[in-house]
Amino acid sequence: MGIAVLRTRGLVQRVARLAWRLRRQITLKEFHVRTAFGLGDPAATGLVYGALSPLLVMARVGGLDVDCRPMFQESGFTGAVGGTIQVRPLPVAGALVAFFVSPPVLRSMRAAWRARK
């Protein structure tokens, strides 16, 4: 059944178009990362933090809210990730309806229905 659906002409392009349209309707409003890590050895922790520091600065310059702290006294890893996205429901619904009534999708549904027997 799956092979019959994947062989449908134009289906891959329709799925790619749907993904692109859905991506355009989703906006990342806020994103933040809070982490702390320790490797047990303060020297190793310092080396890793020193290697990560330029990446953290570039992330902040790029507009990301990233906070990474070294834990020199203990080993372990803690962290939290959060964010807010905005989704526009009417354009998403329109994109989904246009996808499901498109000829390639209808052909693939017909092929799947026939292949199930």
Protein backbone atom coordinates (compact mmCIF):
# COMPACT_ATOMS: atom_id res chain seq x y z
CA MET A 1 0.00 0.00 0.00
CA GLY A 2 2.80 2.44 0.92
CA ILE A 3 4.69 1.86 -2.32
CA ALA A 4 1.58 2.59 -4.37
CA VAL A 5 1.10 5.87 -2.55
CA LEU A 6 4.75 6.92 -2.94
CA ARG A 7 4.69 6.20 -6.67
CA THR A 8 1.89 8.71 -7.24
CA ARG A 9 3.03 11.37 -9.69
CA GLY A 10 3.31 14.82 -8.11
CA LEU A 11 2.77 13.74 -4.51
CA VAL A 12 6.27 14.56 -3.27
CA GLN A 13 6.03 18.08 -4.70
CA ARG A 14 2.64 18.59 -3.01
CA VAL A 15 4.01 17.44 0.34
CA ALA A 16 6.99 19.79 -0.02
CA ARG A 17 4.66 22.66 -0.94
CA LEU A 18 2.47 21.89 2.09
CA ALA A 19 5.50 21.87 4.39
CA TRP A 20 6.65 25.22 2.98
CA ARG A 21 3.20 26.79 3.39
CA LEU A 22 2.86 25.50 6.95
CA ARG A 23 6.34 26.77 7.82
CA ARG A 24 5.39 30.25 6.60
CA GLN A 25 2.42 30.31 9.01
CA ILE A 26 4.46 29.47 12.11
CA THR A 27 6.56 32.18 13.77
CA LEU A 28 9.03 31.66 16.61
CA LYS A 29 8.35 34.52 19.02
CA GLU A 30 10.65 33.61 21.89
CA PHE A 31 13.26 30.94 22.50
CA HIS A 32 15.52 30.48 25.50
CA VAL A 33 17.97 27.88 26.77
CA ARG A 34 19.33 27.66 30.31
CA THR A 35 22.05 25.09 31.03
CA ALA A 36 24.72 24.32 33.59
CA PHE A 37 27.33 21.59 33.31
CA GLY A 38 30.24 20.16 35.21
CA LEU A 39 32.65 17.41 34.23
CA GLY A 40 34.00 16.55 37.68
CA ASP A 41 37.42 18.00 36.90
CA PRO A 42 37.41 21.82 37.12
CA ALA A 43 40.16 22.06 34.49
CA ALA A 44 38.17 19.98 31.98
CA THR A 45 35.05 21.99 32.73
CA GLY A 46 36.99 25.21 32.10
CA LEU A 47 38.37 23.93 28.80
CA VAL A 48 34.93 22.93 27.53
CA TYR A 49 33.39 26.21 28.69
CA GLY A 50 36.22 28.11 27.00
CA ALA A 51 35.52 26.27 23.75
CA LEU A 52 31.76 26.96 24.03
CA SER A 53 32.08 30.66 24.94
CA PRO A 54 32.56 31.97 21.37
CA LEU A 55 29.51 29.98 20.23
CA LEU A 56 27.45 31.40 23.10
CA VAL A 57 28.48 34.95 22.19
CA MET A 58 27.58 34.38 18.54
CA ALA A 59 24.20 32.96 19.60
CA ARG A 60 23.48 36.05 21.71
CA VAL A 61 24.53 38.37 18.88
CA GLY A 62 22.21 36.38 16.59
CA GLY A 63 19.28 37.10 18.90
CA LEU A 64 19.06 33.79 20.76
CA ASP A 65 18.60 33.82 24.53
CA VAL A 66 21.18 31.22 25.60
CA ASP A 67 22.63 30.96 29.10
CA CYS A 68 25.27 28.30 29.81
CA ARG A 69 27.13 28.22 33.11
CA PRO A 70 29.97 25.99 34.25
CA MET A 71 29.71 24.05 37.53
CA PHE A 72 33.26 23.73 38.82
CA GLN A 73 32.41 22.11 42.18
CA GLU A 74 30.26 19.19 40.96
CA SER A 75 29.69 17.05 37.90
CA GLY A 76 26.43 16.82 36.02
CA PHE A 77 24.21 18.57 33.54
CA THR A 78 21.04 20.54 34.10
CA GLY A 79 19.03 22.51 31.63
CA ALA A 80 15.75 23.95 30.53
CA VAL A 81 14.49 24.94 27.11
CA GLY A 82 11.45 27.08 26.47
CA GLY A 83 9.84 29.10 23.78
CA THR A 84 6.72 30.59 22.30
CA ILE A 85 5.45 30.07 18.79
CA GLN A 86 2.63 31.79 16.93
CA VAL A 87 0.46 29.79 14.54
CA ARG A 88 -2.07 31.42 12.19
CA PRO A 89 -4.93 28.88 12.16
CA LEU A 90 -6.95 30.04 9.12
CA PRO A 91 -4.05 29.98 6.65
CA VAL A 92 -2.98 26.60 8.08
CA ALA A 93 -6.48 25.23 7.53
CA GLY A 94 -6.50 26.65 3.99
CA ALA A 95 -3.17 25.01 3.19
CA LEU A 96 -4.39 21.66 4.54
CA VAL A 97 -7.64 21.82 2.54
CA ALA A 98 -5.75 22.74 -0.63
CA PHE A 99 -3.41 19.81 -0.01
CA PHE A 100 -6.14 17.22 0.58
CA VAL A 101 -8.19 18.19 -2.48
CA SER A 102 -5.20 18.38 -4.84
CA PRO A 103 -5.15 15.83 -7.68
CA PRO A 104 -1.92 14.08 -6.56
CA VAL A 105 -3.30 13.49 -3.07
CA LEU A 106 -6.62 12.24 -4.41
CA ARG A 107 -4.74 9.91 -6.77
CA SER A 108 -2.62 8.58 -3.91
CA MET A 109 -5.71 7.97 -1.77
CA ARG A 110 -7.29 6.08 -4.66
CA ALA A 111 -4.08 4.03 -5.10
CA ALA A 112 -3.97 3.25 -1.38
CA TRP A 113 -7.62 2.19 -1.42
CA ARG A 114 -7.00 -0.13 -4.35
CA ALA A 115 -3.82 -1.58 -2.88
CA ARG A 116 -5.42 -2.52 0.45
CA LYS A 117 -7.40 -5.37 -1.13
